[in-house]
C-alpha cells in the first residue's frame, strides 16, 4: 500500500515527490523475500544497505535502477496499520492500478513520521477531506502514537488542525440580509381630491 507523496497526490493534494513510500504487513513477509521479488523488476537495495539492516530498522531502502527512483518500504506491525491496509483504496494512477491509504490513515502515517512535509500534507488532507474522516478515531490514535513517542505536542497540533479544517469546511453563518425581515412595501398614498 502506498503511503507517501504518491498517495497524497492521488487524494488531490497538488505537490511533487521524488521518491515512493509504501508499507507491507510485517508478519506476512520477510525482507529477503521482498528483496528477491523486487529484484525481478530491477529494484535493488541502495548502496551500503543490507537485508540485515532492514531486519533491524524494519524499513527497506530500495532503488529502481533504470530510473534511479528511490523506494522506501516500511514493515507495519501495529493494529492501526493493519486496519489501514484492510481499508486501502484501489485507484488508477497514471494508468496503473495501485492501492493507497485513505486520507484519515495517511494522516496517521504522517503523524508518525512528523517531518515538515508530513505536517503540510496533514493540513492539506484535512482541508480537502476533513468532512469525510473519522476525527475521533484519528485523534485517539494520534494520542496513542504521541504517548508512545513521548511527544504529546503532536496530538495537540493535530487536534488544532482538525478544528481549523472543520471551521473551513462548515457552512457559513447566515448573512445579515438573510436574517433581517423583508423590506416593507411603501404604502400607497391616497390623494385627496382637489378643492
C-alpha atoms as a PDB file:
ATOM      1  CA  UNK A   1       0.000   0.000   0.000  1.00  0.00           C
ATOM      2  CA  UNK A   2       1.304   3.457  -0.924  1.00  0.00           C
ATOM      3  CA  UNK A   3       1.520   5.907   1.970  1.00  0.00           C
ATOM      4  CA  UNK A   4       3.731   8.793   0.838  1.00  0.00           C
ATOM      5  CA  UNK A   5       3.642  11.572  -1.717  1.00  0.00           C
ATOM      6  CA  UNK A   6       2.054   9.397  -4.415  1.00  0.00           C
ATOM      7  CA  UNK A   7      -0.914   8.653  -2.140  1.00  0.00           C
ATOM      8  CA  UNK A   8      -1.219  12.302  -1.085  1.00  0.00           C
ATOM      9  CA  UNK A   9      -1.194  13.432  -4.739  1.00  0.00           C
ATOM     10  CA  UNK A  10      -3.744  10.747  -5.641  1.00  0.00           C
ATOM     11  CA  UNK A  11      -6.058  12.204  -2.962  1.00  0.00           C
ATOM     12  CA  UNK A  12      -5.988  15.601  -4.674  1.00  0.00           C
ATOM     13  CA  UNK A  13      -3.153  17.444  -2.935  1.00  0.00           C
ATOM     14  CA  UNK A  14      -1.074  19.329  -5.524  1.00  0.00           C
ATOM     15  CA  UNK A  15       2.569  18.682  -4.736  1.00  0.00           C
ATOM     16  CA  UNK A  16       5.659  16.923  -6.060  1.00  0.00           C
ATOM     17  CA  UNK A  17       7.521  13.872  -4.844  1.00  0.00           C
ATOM     18  CA  UNK A  18      10.931  12.450  -5.687  1.00  0.00           C
ATOM     19  CA  UNK A  19      10.522   9.011  -4.133  1.00  0.00           C
ATOM     20  CA  UNK A  20       7.945   6.334  -3.400  1.00  0.00           C
ATOM     21  CA  UNK A  21       6.862   5.332   0.109  1.00  0.00           C
ATOM     22  CA  UNK A  22       4.964   2.130   0.712  1.00  0.00           C
ATOM     23  CA  UNK A  23       4.209  -0.297   3.505  1.00  0.00           C
ATOM     24  CA  UNK A  24       3.719  -4.052   3.759  1.00  0.00           C
ATOM     25  CA  UNK A  25       2.317  -6.153   6.572  1.00  0.00           C
ATOM     26  CA  UNK A  26       5.350  -7.285   8.584  1.00  0.00           C
ATOM     27  CA  UNK A  27       4.086 -10.690   9.774  1.00  0.00           C
ATOM     28  CA  UNK A  28       3.277 -11.708   6.184  1.00  0.00           C
ATOM     29  CA  UNK A  29       6.663 -11.227   4.501  1.00  0.00           C
ATOM     30  CA  UNK A  30      10.370 -11.385   5.273  1.00  0.00           C
ATOM     31  CA  UNK A  31      12.799  -8.747   3.931  1.00  0.00           C
ATOM     32  CA  UNK A  32      14.722 -11.385   1.929  1.00  0.00           C
ATOM     33  CA  UNK A  33      11.536 -12.448   0.128  1.00  0.00           C
ATOM     34  CA  UNK A  34      10.656  -8.877  -0.768  1.00  0.00           C
ATOM     35  CA  UNK A  35      14.204  -8.106  -1.949  1.00  0.00           C
ATOM     36  CA  UNK A  36      14.119 -11.153  -4.262  1.00  0.00           C
ATOM     37  CA  UNK A  37      10.677 -10.257  -5.658  1.00  0.00           C
ATOM     38  CA  UNK A  38      11.572  -6.613  -6.283  1.00  0.00           C
ATOM     39  CA  UNK A  39      14.867  -7.631  -7.862  1.00  0.00           C
ATOM     40  CA  UNK A  40      12.910  -9.128 -10.763  1.00  0.00           C
ATOM     41  CA  UNK A  41      11.636  -5.604 -11.509  1.00  0.00           C
ATOM     42  CA  UNK A  42      15.170  -4.132 -11.370  1.00  0.00           C
ATOM     43  CA  UNK A  43      14.586  -2.690  -7.901  1.00  0.00           C
ATOM     44  CA  UNK A  44      17.615  -3.334  -5.715  1.00  0.00           C
ATOM     45  CA  UNK A  45      18.980  -2.375  -2.329  1.00  0.00           C
ATOM     46  CA  UNK A  46      20.604   1.035  -2.134  1.00  0.00           C
ATOM     47  CA  UNK A  47      24.375   1.132  -1.695  1.00  0.00           C
ATOM     48  CA  UNK A  48      25.592   0.442   1.859  1.00  0.00           C
ATOM     49  CA  UNK A  49      22.260  -1.136   2.781  1.00  0.00           C
ATOM     50  CA  UNK A  50      21.531  -4.792   3.517  1.00  0.00           C
ATOM     51  CA  UNK A  51      18.793  -7.228   4.471  1.00  0.00           C
ATOM     52  CA  UNK A  52      20.292  -7.319   7.989  1.00  0.00           C
ATOM     53  CA  UNK A  53      19.867  -3.545   8.363  1.00  0.00           C
ATOM     54  CA  UNK A  54      16.313  -3.877   7.049  1.00  0.00           C
ATOM     55  CA  UNK A  55      15.520  -6.514   9.696  1.00  0.00           C
ATOM     56  CA  UNK A  56      16.749  -4.201  12.459  1.00  0.00           C
ATOM     57  CA  UNK A  57      15.169  -0.988  11.140  1.00  0.00           C
ATOM     58  CA  UNK A  58      12.009  -2.574   9.664  1.00  0.00           C
ATOM     59  CA  UNK A  59      12.481  -0.409   6.561  1.00  0.00           C
ATOM     60  CA  UNK A  60      13.790  -1.471   3.158  1.00  0.00           C
ATOM     61  CA  UNK A  61      15.628   1.275   1.268  1.00  0.00           C
ATOM     62  CA  UNK A  62      15.455   0.316  -2.398  1.00  0.00           C
ATOM     63  CA  UNK A  63      16.187   1.955  -5.756  1.00  0.00           C
ATOM     64  CA  UNK A  64      14.693   1.355  -9.186  1.00  0.00           C
ATOM     65  CA  UNK A  65      17.888   1.034 -11.200  1.00  0.00           C
ATOM     66  CA  UNK A  66      16.640   2.170 -14.651  1.00  0.00           C
ATOM     67  CA  UNK A  67      15.104   5.420 -13.340  1.00  0.00           C
ATOM     68  CA  UNK A  68      17.187   5.976 -10.162  1.00  0.00           C
ATOM     69  CA  UNK A  69      13.936   6.492  -8.189  1.00  0.00           C
ATOM     70  CA  UNK A  70      14.116   5.575  -4.506  1.00  0.00           C
ATOM     71  CA  UNK A  71      11.542   3.277  -2.935  1.00  0.00           C
ATOM     72  CA  UNK A  72      11.189   3.143   0.870  1.00  0.00           C
ATOM     73  CA  UNK A  73       9.178   0.183   2.151  1.00  0.00           C
ATOM     74  CA  UNK A  74       8.206   0.073   5.819  1.00  0.00           C
ATOM     75  CA  UNK A  75       7.182  -3.146   7.547  1.00  0.00           C
ATOM     76  CA  UNK A  76       3.998  -2.482   9.510  1.00  0.00           C
ATOM     77  CA  UNK A  77       3.133  -4.301  12.737  1.00  0.00           C
ATOM     78  CA  UNK A  78       0.575  -2.178  14.573  1.00  0.00           C
ATOM     79  CA  UNK A  79      -3.195  -2.793  14.526  1.00  0.00           C
ATOM     80  CA  UNK A  80      -3.958   0.665  13.069  1.00  0.00           C
ATOM     81  CA  UNK A  81      -1.587  -0.117  10.185  1.00  0.00           C
ATOM     82  CA  UNK A  82      -3.344  -3.446   9.531  1.00  0.00           C
ATOM     83  CA  UNK A  83      -6.683  -1.622   9.608  1.00  0.00           C
ATOM     84  CA  UNK A  84      -5.319   0.918   7.124  1.00  0.00           C
ATOM     85  CA  UNK A  85      -4.260  -1.847   4.743  1.00  0.00           C
ATOM     86  CA  UNK A  86      -7.639  -3.556   5.025  1.00  0.00           C
ATOM     87  CA  UNK A  87      -9.342  -0.240   4.172  1.00  0.00           C
ATOM     88  CA  UNK A  88      -6.973   0.745   1.349  1.00  0.00           C
ATOM     89  CA  UNK A  89      -8.471   2.254  -1.786  1.00  0.00           C
ATOM     90  CA  UNK A  90      -7.566   0.875  -5.216  1.00  0.00           C
ATOM     91  CA  UNK A  91      -7.185   3.553  -7.874  1.00  0.00           C
ATOM     92  CA  UNK A  92      -5.541   4.015 -11.244  1.00  0.00           C
ATOM     93  CA  UNK A  93      -2.534   6.311 -11.041  1.00  0.00           C
ATOM     94  CA  UNK A  94      -1.103   7.273 -14.435  1.00  0.00           C
ATOM     95  CA  UNK A  95      -2.991   4.265 -15.812  1.00  0.00           C
ATOM     96  CA  UNK A  96      -1.525   1.804 -13.292  1.00  0.00           C
ATOM     97  CA  UNK A  97      -3.757   0.229 -10.584  1.00  0.00           C
ATOM     98  CA  UNK A  98      -2.347   0.884  -7.103  1.00  0.00           C
ATOM     99  CA  UNK A  99      -3.591   0.639  -3.508  1.00  0.00           C
ATOM    100  CA  UNK A 100      -3.364   3.800  -1.426  1.00  0.00           C
ATOM    101  CA  UNK A 101      -4.238   4.576   2.174  1.00  0.00           C
ATOM    102  CA  UNK A 102      -7.445   6.506   2.873  1.00  0.00           C
ATOM    103  CA  UNK A 103      -6.957  10.178   3.816  1.00  0.00           C
ATOM    104  CA  UNK A 104      -7.508   9.535   7.536  1.00  0.00           C
ATOM    105  CA  UNK A 105      -4.984   6.675   7.521  1.00  0.00           C
ATOM    106  CA  UNK A 106      -2.467   8.802   5.613  1.00  0.00           C
ATOM    107  CA  UNK A 107      -2.838  11.388   8.376  1.00  0.00           C
ATOM    108  CA  UNK A 108      -1.890   8.711  10.920  1.00  0.00           C
ATOM    109  CA  UNK A 109       1.185   7.618   8.954  1.00  0.00           C
ATOM    110  CA  UNK A 110       2.164  11.273   8.514  1.00  0.00           C
ATOM    111  CA  UNK A 111       1.644  11.939  12.235  1.00  0.00           C
ATOM    112  CA  UNK A 112       4.123   9.133  12.930  1.00  0.00           C
ATOM    113  CA  UNK A 113       6.798  10.450  10.516  1.00  0.00           C
ATOM    114  CA  UNK A 114       6.187  14.109  11.527  1.00  0.00           C
ATOM    115  CA  UNK A 115       8.590  15.923   9.198  1.00  0.00           C
ATOM    116  CA  UNK A 116       7.726  19.429   7.944  1.00  0.00           C
ATOM    117  CA  UNK A 117       6.446  17.952   4.671  1.00  0.00           C
ATOM    118  CA  UNK A 118       4.277  15.499   6.647  1.00  0.00           C
ATOM    119  CA  UNK A 119       2.677  18.309   8.648  1.00  0.00           C
ATOM    120  CA  UNK A 120       1.962  20.218   5.420  1.00  0.00           C
ATOM    121  CA  UNK A 121       0.381  17.087   3.936  1.00  0.00           C
ATOM    122  CA  UNK A 122      -1.786  16.623   7.038  1.00  0.00           C
ATOM    123  CA  UNK A 123      -3.097  20.193   6.783  1.00  0.00           C
ATOM    124  CA  UNK A 124      -3.889  19.817   3.093  1.00  0.00           C
ATOM    125  CA  UNK A 125      -5.533  16.411   3.513  1.00  0.00           C
ATOM    126  CA  UNK A 126      -7.689  17.814   6.313  1.00  0.00           C
ATOM    127  CA  UNK A 127      -8.665  20.805   4.179  1.00  0.00           C
ATOM    128  CA  UNK A 128      -9.730  18.548   1.303  1.00  0.00           C
ATOM    129  CA  UNK A 129     -11.119  15.552   3.210  1.00  0.00           C
ATOM    130  CA  UNK A 130     -11.804  16.793   6.752  1.00  0.00           C
ATOM    131  CA  UNK A 131     -15.548  16.278   6.307  1.00  0.00           C
ATOM    132  CA  UNK A 132     -15.069  12.561   5.465  1.00  0.00           C
ATOM    133  CA  UNK A 133     -12.572  11.447   8.105  1.00  0.00           C
ATOM    134  CA  UNK A 134     -13.418   9.936  11.472  1.00  0.00           C
ATOM    135  CA  UNK A 135     -11.838  12.713  13.546  1.00  0.00           C
ATOM    136  CA  UNK A 136     -12.365  10.915  16.875  1.00  0.00           C
ATOM    137  CA  UNK A 137     -10.545   7.807  15.602  1.00  0.00           C
ATOM    138  CA  UNK A 138      -7.692   9.896  14.212  1.00  0.00           C
ATOM    139  CA  UNK A 139      -7.303  11.890  17.435  1.00  0.00           C
ATOM    140  CA  UNK A 140      -7.438   8.766  19.607  1.00  0.00           C
ATOM    141  CA  UNK A 141      -4.733   7.025  17.571  1.00  0.00           C
ATOM    142  CA  UNK A 142      -2.564  10.162  17.312  1.00  0.00           C
ATOM    143  CA  UNK A 143      -2.734  10.490  21.107  1.00  0.00           C
ATOM    144  CA  UNK A 144      -1.535   6.877  21.416  1.00  0.00           C
ATOM    145  CA  UNK A 145       1.278   7.497  18.900  1.00  0.00           C
ATOM    146  CA  UNK A 146       2.259  10.722  20.709  1.00  0.00           C
ATOM    147  CA  UNK A 147       2.295   8.952  24.058  1.00  0.00           C
ATOM    148  CA  UNK A 148       4.409   6.068  22.722  1.00  0.00           C
ATOM    149  CA  UNK A 149       6.898   8.530  21.218  1.00  0.00           C
ATOM    150  CA  UNK A 150       6.761  10.741  24.342  1.00  0.00           C
ATOM    151  CA  UNK A 151       5.803  13.741  22.226  1.00  0.00           C
ATOM    152  CA  UNK A 152       2.365  14.850  23.444  1.00  0.00           C
ATOM    153  CA  UNK A 153       2.589  18.054  21.395  1.00  0.00           C
ATOM    154  CA  UNK A 154       1.843  16.092  18.215  1.00  0.00           C
ATOM    155  CA  UNK A 155      -1.667  15.292  19.412  1.00  0.00           C
ATOM    156  CA  UNK A 156      -2.256  18.912  20.404  1.00  0.00           C
ATOM    157  CA  UNK A 157      -1.194  20.153  16.959  1.00  0.00           C
ATOM    158  CA  UNK A 158      -3.323  17.560  15.116  1.00  0.00           C
ATOM    159  CA  UNK A 159      -6.347  18.446  17.249  1.00  0.00           C
ATOM    160  CA  UNK A 160      -5.867  22.122  16.354  1.00  0.00           C
ATOM    161  CA  UNK A 161      -5.514  21.261  12.661  1.00  0.00           C
ATOM    162  CA  UNK A 162      -8.733  19.221  12.725  1.00  0.00           C
ATOM    163  CA  UNK A 163     -10.558  22.098  14.438  1.00  0.00           C
ATOM    164  CA  UNK A 164      -9.331  24.598  11.849  1.00  0.00           C
ATOM    165  CA  UNK A 165     -10.294  22.279   8.980  1.00  0.00           C
ATOM    166  CA  UNK A 166     -13.788  21.884  10.440  1.00  0.00           C
ATOM    167  CA  UNK A 167     -14.184  25.661  10.615  1.00  0.00           C
ATOM    168  CA  UNK A 168     -13.131  25.988   6.985  1.00  0.00           C
ATOM    169  CA  UNK A 169     -15.490  23.265   5.784  1.00  0.00           C
ATOM    170  CA  UNK A 170     -18.535  24.222   7.890  1.00  0.00           C
ATOM    171  CA  UNK A 171     -21.282  26.183   6.145  1.00  0.00           C
ATOM    172  CA  UNK A 172     -21.035  29.960   6.591  1.00  0.00           C
ATOM    173  CA  UNK A 173     -23.391  31.588   9.078  1.00  0.00           C
ATOM    174  CA  UNK A 174     -26.473  33.195   7.547  1.00  0.00           C
ATOM    175  CA  UNK A 175     -25.797  36.665   6.233  1.00  0.00           C
ATOM    176  CA  UNK A 176     -27.442  39.704   7.781  1.00  0.00           C
ATOM    177  CA  UNK A 177     -29.532  40.193   4.686  1.00  0.00           C
ATOM    178  CA  UNK A 178     -30.937  36.694   5.014  1.00  0.00           C
ATOM    179  CA  UNK A 179     -31.590  37.132   8.731  1.00  0.00           C
ATOM    180  CA  UNK A 180     -33.330  40.511   8.517  1.00  0.00           C
ATOM    181  CA  UNK A 181     -37.054  40.696   7.694  1.00  0.00           C
ATOM    182  CA  UNK A 182     -38.018  41.547   4.130  1.00  0.00           C
ATOM    183  CA  UNK A 183     -38.308  45.263   3.429  1.00  0.00           C
ATOM    184  CA  UNK A 184     -41.769  46.830   3.813  1.00  0.00           C
ATOM    185  CA  UNK A 185     -43.624  47.894   0.771  1.00  0.00           C
ATOM    186  CA  UNK A 186     -44.327  51.586   0.808  1.00  0.00           C
ATOM    187  CA  UNK A 187     -47.960  52.466   1.423  1.00  0.00           C
ATOM    188  CA  UNK A 188     -49.746  53.951  -1.451  1.00  0.00           C
ATOM    189  CA  UNK A 189     -50.878  57.428  -0.537  1.00  0.00           C
ATOM    190  CA  UNK A 190     -54.377  58.341  -1.396  1.00  0.00           C
ATOM    191  CA  UNK A 191     -54.532  61.672  -2.961  1.00  0.00           C
ATOM    192  CA  UNK A 192     -57.120  63.866  -1.519  1.00  0.00           C
ATOM    193  CA  UNK A 193     -59.399  65.393  -4.122  1.00  0.00           C
ATOM    194  CA  UNK A 194     -58.581  68.922  -5.127  1.00  0.00           C
ATOM    195  CA  UNK A 195     -60.827  71.549  -3.850  1.00  0.00           C
END
